[in-house]
Amino acid sequence: MTEATTPRARAREQTMRDIVRIGRAHLATDGAAALSLRAIARDIGIVSSAVYRYVASRDELLTLLVIDGFDELGDAVDEALASVDETDFAGRLTAIGRAVRAWALAEPATYALLFGSPVPGYHAPSEQTTGPGTRVIARLVEVWEAAWIAGAMTAGEEAVSPRRLGRDLARIRREQGITAPDELIARGVLMWAALFGCVSFEVFGQYGPDSFTQPRDLFEHHLRVLIEMVGLS
């Protein structure tokens, strides 16, 4: 019997899942700054001192919730892409955008933890959160790169200005193994930022309560414009 299949290991894994699940519930009702390991222990049904054998601090709990949220969002995007033909580049970008919006509206508290105001005193450890946190942008890059290779996108011949921006884009291209030119990478960054900006405006009520009776229609319009902007239709 391996360590992972022992009753003790299975019990620990279940407790960790419970801590994350109940932590997400407390995040929705109390907010990130008010998370309490003692309160979570109470809801699980263990003594408060025991919870620290699983999670050492509030910051460690926040990191678990950040990773869980990013992975859940990434899974939602992957699931949406699974039903879209790999050569339908505009359709794949549409699926990504819709999946991000649907998940954000269903999980506004976790979305706020990931993309809202920083939690005072908390700094997410990059070595644990960068991988999960870049899953969506990785899918966007895959679509852009595949579209470029297939000849479905074109870019102008002028160099990106200023030069220091061009250097940054060239470095990103090398690090990510992208063959698309700087101009398309810059457009892709704009789409990435604008996609999450549109979602954030809706999740956080920035449009106001009476501006748009059907915010989904506005999002669909913005998504079409963004896809056209990167050179697809």
Protein backbone atom coordinates (compact mmCIF):
# COMPACT_ATOMS: atom_id res chain seq x y z
CA MET A 1 0.00 0.00 0.00
CA THR A 2 1.48 3.33 -1.06
CA GLU A 3 1.47 6.42 1.13
CA ALA A 4 -1.16 8.07 -1.08
CA THR A 5 -3.62 5.19 -0.58
CA THR A 6 -3.30 4.74 3.17
CA PRO A 7 -6.38 5.61 5.24
CA ARG A 8 -4.43 8.39 6.92
CA ALA A 9 -3.39 9.91 3.59
CA ARG A 10 -6.93 9.72 2.24
CA ALA A 11 -8.28 11.33 5.40
CA ARG A 12 -5.75 14.15 5.11
CA GLU A 13 -6.62 14.73 1.46
CA GLN A 14 -10.32 14.88 2.34
CA THR A 15 -9.67 17.35 5.15
CA MET A 16 -7.64 19.56 2.81
CA ARG A 17 -10.48 19.50 0.28
CA ASP A 18 -12.91 20.44 3.05
CA ILE A 19 -10.71 23.32 4.16
CA VAL A 20 -10.59 24.72 0.63
CA ARG A 21 -14.31 24.19 0.05
CA ILE A 22 -15.34 25.85 3.30
CA GLY A 23 -12.68 28.51 2.82
CA ARG A 24 -14.29 29.39 -0.50
CA ALA A 25 -17.67 29.62 1.23
CA HIS A 26 -16.26 31.94 3.91
CA LEU A 27 -14.57 33.99 1.20
CA ALA A 28 -17.99 34.61 -0.34
CA THR A 29 -19.69 35.57 2.91
CA ASP A 30 -16.91 37.27 4.90
CA GLY A 31 -14.34 38.46 2.37
CA ALA A 32 -10.66 37.61 2.05
CA ALA A 33 -9.43 39.95 4.78
CA ALA A 34 -11.75 38.36 7.36
CA LEU A 35 -10.91 34.71 6.69
CA SER A 36 -10.47 32.79 9.92
CA LEU A 37 -8.89 29.36 10.21
CA ARG A 38 -10.62 28.90 13.55
CA ALA A 39 -14.01 29.51 11.97
CA ILE A 40 -13.22 27.06 9.19
CA ALA A 41 -12.13 24.45 11.74
CA ARG A 42 -15.42 24.91 13.54
CA ASP A 43 -17.39 24.33 10.36
CA ILE A 44 -15.37 21.23 9.52
CA GLY A 45 -15.91 19.89 13.00
CA ILE A 46 -12.34 19.77 14.27
CA VAL A 47 -10.77 21.62 17.17
CA SER A 48 -9.20 24.92 16.20
CA SER A 49 -5.69 23.81 17.13
CA ALA A 50 -5.92 20.81 14.78
CA VAL A 51 -6.49 22.90 11.65
CA TYR A 52 -2.95 24.25 11.88
CA ARG A 53 -1.62 20.75 11.19
CA TYR A 54 -3.09 21.17 7.71
CA VAL A 55 -2.80 24.90 7.03
CA ALA A 56 -0.24 26.91 8.95
CA SER A 57 -1.66 30.41 8.51
CA ARG A 58 -4.25 32.61 6.87
CA ASP A 59 -1.76 33.41 4.11
CA GLU A 60 -1.29 29.73 3.37
CA LEU A 61 -5.07 29.35 3.21
CA LEU A 62 -5.31 32.28 0.79
CA THR A 63 -2.68 30.65 -1.41
CA LEU A 64 -4.68 27.43 -1.47
CA LEU A 65 -7.79 29.38 -2.46
CA VAL A 66 -5.90 31.28 -5.15
CA ILE A 67 -4.54 28.06 -6.67
CA ASP A 68 -7.94 26.39 -6.45
CA GLY A 69 -9.62 29.36 -8.12
CA PHE A 70 -7.11 29.62 -10.94
CA ASP A 71 -7.31 25.88 -11.58
CA GLU A 72 -11.11 25.94 -11.58
CA LEU A 73 -11.09 28.82 -14.08
CA GLY A 74 -8.51 27.02 -16.20
CA ASP A 75 -10.60 23.84 -16.15
CA ALA A 76 -13.67 25.82 -17.25
CA VAL A 77 -11.75 27.25 -20.21
CA ASP A 78 -10.33 23.84 -21.16
CA GLU A 79 -13.80 22.31 -21.03
CA ALA A 80 -15.19 25.06 -23.25
CA LEU A 81 -12.41 24.57 -25.80
CA ALA A 82 -12.89 20.81 -25.96
CA SER A 83 -15.99 21.19 -28.13
CA VAL A 84 -14.55 23.74 -30.60
CA ASP A 85 -12.65 22.71 -33.72
CA GLU A 86 -8.93 23.51 -33.42
CA THR A 87 -9.00 25.36 -36.76
CA ASP A 88 -11.90 27.62 -35.73
CA PHE A 89 -9.68 30.26 -34.20
CA ALA A 90 -12.34 32.92 -33.73
CA GLY A 91 -14.64 30.30 -32.23
CA ARG A 92 -11.95 29.23 -29.80
CA LEU A 93 -11.32 32.79 -28.65
CA THR A 94 -15.06 33.24 -28.25
CA ALA A 95 -15.25 30.07 -26.16
CA ILE A 96 -12.44 31.28 -23.91
CA GLY A 97 -14.07 34.66 -23.38
CA ARG A 98 -17.48 33.20 -22.63
CA ALA A 99 -16.01 30.65 -20.23
CA VAL A 100 -14.12 33.33 -18.30
CA ARG A 101 -17.25 35.48 -17.99
CA ALA A 102 -19.51 32.58 -16.98
CA TRP A 103 -17.09 31.38 -14.30
CA ALA A 104 -16.52 34.89 -12.96
CA LEU A 105 -20.25 35.58 -12.63
CA ALA A 106 -20.77 32.22 -10.91
CA GLU A 107 -17.82 32.73 -8.53
CA PRO A 108 -17.56 36.50 -7.95
CA ALA A 109 -15.82 36.24 -4.58
CA THR A 110 -13.08 33.97 -5.90
CA TYR A 111 -12.78 36.09 -9.05
CA ALA A 112 -12.29 39.12 -6.81
CA LEU A 113 -9.56 37.29 -4.90
CA LEU A 114 -7.75 36.53 -8.15
CA PHE A 115 -8.31 39.76 -10.08
CA GLY A 116 -9.62 42.35 -7.62
CA SER A 117 -7.96 44.49 -4.98
CA PRO A 118 -4.97 42.88 -3.22
CA VAL A 119 -5.61 41.46 0.23
CA PRO A 120 -3.77 43.69 2.74
CA GLY A 121 -0.60 42.02 3.96
CA TYR A 122 -0.82 39.06 1.59
CA HIS A 123 1.55 38.36 -1.29
CA ALA A 124 0.84 35.30 -3.40
CA PRO A 125 3.98 33.13 -3.73
CA SER A 126 4.83 33.17 -7.44
CA GLU A 127 6.42 29.72 -7.35
CA GLN A 128 3.03 28.25 -6.43
CA THR A 129 0.58 30.51 -8.23
CA THR A 130 2.21 31.48 -11.54
CA GLY A 131 1.51 28.14 -13.22
CA PRO A 132 -2.20 27.99 -12.36
CA GLY A 133 -2.52 31.75 -12.85
CA THR A 134 -1.29 31.68 -16.45
CA ARG A 135 -3.47 28.82 -17.72
CA VAL A 136 -5.95 31.11 -19.48
CA ILE A 137 -3.32 33.30 -21.12
CA ALA A 138 -1.55 30.12 -22.23
CA ARG A 139 -4.71 29.02 -24.04
CA LEU A 140 -5.04 32.44 -25.66
CA VAL A 141 -1.43 32.30 -26.82
CA GLU A 142 -1.98 28.81 -28.26
CA VAL A 143 -4.88 30.08 -30.36
CA TRP A 144 -3.00 33.16 -31.58
CA GLU A 145 0.09 31.15 -32.47
CA ALA A 146 -1.91 28.45 -34.26
CA ALA A 147 -3.81 31.11 -36.22
CA TRP A 148 -0.55 32.81 -37.22
CA ILE A 149 1.03 29.54 -38.36
CA ALA A 150 -2.12 28.70 -40.35
CA GLY A 151 -2.00 32.08 -42.09
CA ALA A 152 -5.29 33.18 -40.56
CA MET A 153 -3.80 36.40 -39.13
CA THR A 154 -1.67 39.10 -40.70
CA ALA A 155 0.41 41.87 -39.21
CA GLY A 156 1.80 45.12 -40.57
CA GLU A 157 5.47 45.41 -41.47
CA GLU A 158 6.22 48.40 -39.24
CA ALA A 159 8.16 47.71 -36.07
CA VAL A 160 6.44 48.17 -32.73
CA SER A 161 7.33 51.52 -31.15
CA PRO A 162 9.02 52.48 -28.85
CA ARG A 163 12.03 50.21 -29.15
CA ARG A 164 11.99 49.19 -25.50
CA LEU A 165 8.47 47.78 -25.99
CA GLY A 166 9.78 45.85 -28.97
CA ARG A 167 12.54 44.43 -26.77
CA ASP A 168 9.99 43.34 -24.18
CA LEU A 169 7.82 41.68 -26.82
CA ALA A 170 10.83 39.95 -28.36
CA ARG A 171 11.78 38.58 -24.94
CA ILE A 172 8.23 37.33 -24.37
CA ARG A 173 8.29 35.67 -27.80
CA ARG A 174 11.53 33.86 -26.97
CA GLU A 175 10.36 32.78 -23.52
CA GLN A 176 7.02 31.48 -24.80
CA GLY A 177 8.31 29.98 -28.03
CA ILE A 178 6.04 32.22 -30.12
CA THR A 179 6.74 32.74 -33.83
CA ALA A 180 4.08 35.44 -34.35
CA PRO A 181 5.56 38.94 -34.79
CA ASP A 182 5.66 41.67 -32.18
CA GLU A 183 2.58 43.47 -33.49
CA LEU A 184 0.38 40.40 -33.06
CA ILE A 185 1.79 39.77 -29.59
CA ALA A 186 0.97 43.35 -28.61
CA ARG A 187 -2.58 42.93 -29.94
CA GLY A 188 -2.88 39.69 -28.01
CA VAL A 189 -1.86 41.41 -24.79
CA LEU A 190 -4.52 44.04 -25.45
CA MET A 191 -7.17 41.36 -25.94
CA TRP A 192 -6.09 39.60 -22.74
CA ALA A 193 -6.24 42.80 -20.71
CA ALA A 194 -9.49 43.95 -22.30
CA LEU A 195 -11.21 40.58 -21.85
CA PHE A 196 -10.58 40.57 -18.12
CA GLY A 197 -11.36 44.29 -17.94
CA CYS A 198 -14.79 43.71 -19.49
CA VAL A 199 -15.46 40.83 -17.12
CA SER A 200 -14.28 42.82 -14.11
CA PHE A 201 -16.51 45.78 -14.98
CA GLU A 202 -19.51 43.45 -15.01
CA VAL A 203 -18.61 41.42 -11.92
CA PHE A 204 -17.83 44.51 -9.85
CA GLY A 205 -20.84 46.51 -11.08
CA GLN A 206 -18.76 49.25 -12.68
CA TYR A 207 -21.30 49.91 -15.44
CA GLY A 208 -23.92 50.90 -12.87
CA PRO A 209 -27.25 49.19 -12.23
CA ASP A 210 -29.26 50.80 -15.02
CA SER A 211 -26.84 51.36 -17.91
CA PHE A 212 -27.30 48.04 -19.71
CA THR A 213 -30.39 45.86 -19.38
CA GLN A 214 -28.60 42.92 -21.03
CA PRO A 215 -24.91 42.98 -20.06
CA ARG A 216 -24.36 39.70 -21.90
CA ASP A 217 -25.15 41.44 -25.19
CA LEU A 218 -22.59 44.13 -24.41
CA PHE A 219 -19.98 41.50 -23.58
CA GLU A 220 -20.67 39.60 -26.82
CA HIS A 221 -20.22 42.84 -28.78
CA HIS A 222 -16.95 43.60 -27.03
CA LEU A 223 -15.74 40.04 -27.59
CA ARG A 224 -16.43 40.27 -31.34
CA VAL A 225 -14.56 43.58 -31.54
CA LEU A 226 -11.57 42.15 -29.66
CA ILE A 227 -11.40 39.11 -31.92
CA GLU A 228 -11.50 41.34 -35.00
CA MET A 229 -8.82 43.54 -33.45
CA VAL A 230 -6.36 40.66 -33.22
CA GLY A 231 -6.95 39.96 -36.90
CA LEU A 232 -9.60 37.22 -36.92
CA SER A 233 -13.22 37.20 -37.96
